[in-house]
Amino acid sequence: MATILESEMLNYFTQLDDAEKTSVVRMLKAFINGKKENSNVTIEEYNNELLAGENEFKSGKYISHDELLNEIKSW
């Protein structure tokens, strides 16, 4: 089963242009790194990450939906 899935992934991957391939590889790295980083997160660490995110939002460290859409267009 894994070989069929891997073959299908390779088929799709080879159809992408270089920028799309780079994006997919970055996404896969993020998935793998996320697994490693979040495998032993305590509730306290999780809550601290949420509080840090809320503080960033409150201090204006975010972009609007429209800004994100404009950024995506430049990819």
Protein backbone atom coordinates (compact mmCIF):
# COMPACT_ATOMS: atom_id res chain seq x y z
CA MET A 1 0.00 0.00 0.00
CA ALA A 2 2.77 2.44 0.86
CA THR A 3 4.40 1.96 -2.53
CA ILE A 4 1.15 2.85 -4.32
CA LEU A 5 0.78 6.00 -2.24
CA GLU A 6 4.43 6.93 -2.73
CA SER A 7 4.11 6.37 -6.47
CA GLU A 8 1.04 8.60 -6.59
CA MET A 9 2.80 11.30 -4.57
CA LEU A 10 5.81 11.17 -6.90
CA ASN A 11 3.54 11.39 -9.93
CA TYR A 12 1.86 14.54 -8.61
CA PHE A 13 5.13 16.03 -7.34
CA THR A 14 6.84 15.73 -10.73
CA GLN A 15 4.01 17.72 -12.32
CA LEU A 16 4.72 20.76 -10.14
CA ASP A 17 6.95 23.68 -11.11
CA ASP A 18 9.99 24.53 -8.97
CA ALA A 19 8.17 27.07 -6.78
CA GLU A 20 5.36 24.61 -6.08
CA LYS A 21 7.86 21.84 -5.30
CA THR A 22 9.63 24.14 -2.85
CA SER A 23 6.32 24.92 -1.18
CA VAL A 24 5.41 21.23 -0.85
CA VAL A 25 8.83 20.36 0.59
CA ARG A 26 8.53 23.18 3.14
CA MET A 27 5.07 21.96 4.10
CA LEU A 28 6.36 18.41 4.58
CA LYS A 29 9.27 19.67 6.69
CA ALA A 30 6.83 21.64 8.83
CA PHE A 31 4.72 18.52 9.36
CA ILE A 32 7.74 16.47 10.38
CA ASN A 33 9.21 19.18 12.60
CA GLY A 34 5.79 19.77 14.15
CA LYS A 35 5.54 16.11 15.08
CA LYS A 36 8.95 16.22 16.73
CA GLU A 37 8.32 19.50 18.53
CA ASN A 38 4.80 18.75 19.71
CA SER A 39 5.26 15.14 20.68
CA ASN A 40 5.95 15.96 24.34
CA VAL A 41 4.27 19.32 24.88
CA THR A 42 2.81 19.73 28.34
CA ILE A 43 -0.48 21.47 28.98
CA GLU A 44 1.44 24.32 30.59
CA GLU A 45 3.66 24.74 27.51
CA TYR A 46 0.60 24.59 25.26
CA ASN A 47 -1.18 27.25 27.32
CA ASN A 48 1.94 29.43 27.26
CA GLU A 49 2.07 29.18 23.47
CA LEU A 50 -1.58 30.23 23.28
CA LEU A 51 -0.96 33.19 25.58
CA ALA A 52 2.06 34.23 23.52
CA GLY A 53 -0.07 34.11 20.37
CA GLU A 54 -2.81 36.16 21.99
CA ASN A 55 -0.24 38.73 23.14
CA GLU A 56 1.18 39.00 19.61
CA PHE A 57 -2.32 39.57 18.27
CA LYS A 58 -3.09 42.20 20.91
CA SER A 59 0.15 44.02 20.12
CA GLY A 60 -0.73 44.16 16.42
CA LYS A 61 1.65 41.46 15.17
CA TYR A 62 -0.67 39.98 12.57
CA ILE A 63 -1.81 40.54 9.00
CA SER A 64 -5.35 40.90 7.75
CA HIS A 65 -7.07 38.43 5.47
CA ASP A 66 -6.76 40.83 2.54
CA GLU A 67 -3.04 41.32 3.22
CA LEU A 68 -2.56 37.57 3.26
CA LEU A 69 -4.38 37.18 -0.04
CA ASN A 70 -2.13 39.83 -1.60
CA GLU A 71 0.95 38.07 -0.24
CA ILE A 72 -0.23 34.74 -1.65
CA LYS A 73 -0.56 36.31 -5.09
CA SER A 74 3.16 37.10 -5.04
CA TRP A 75 4.15 33.46 -4.45
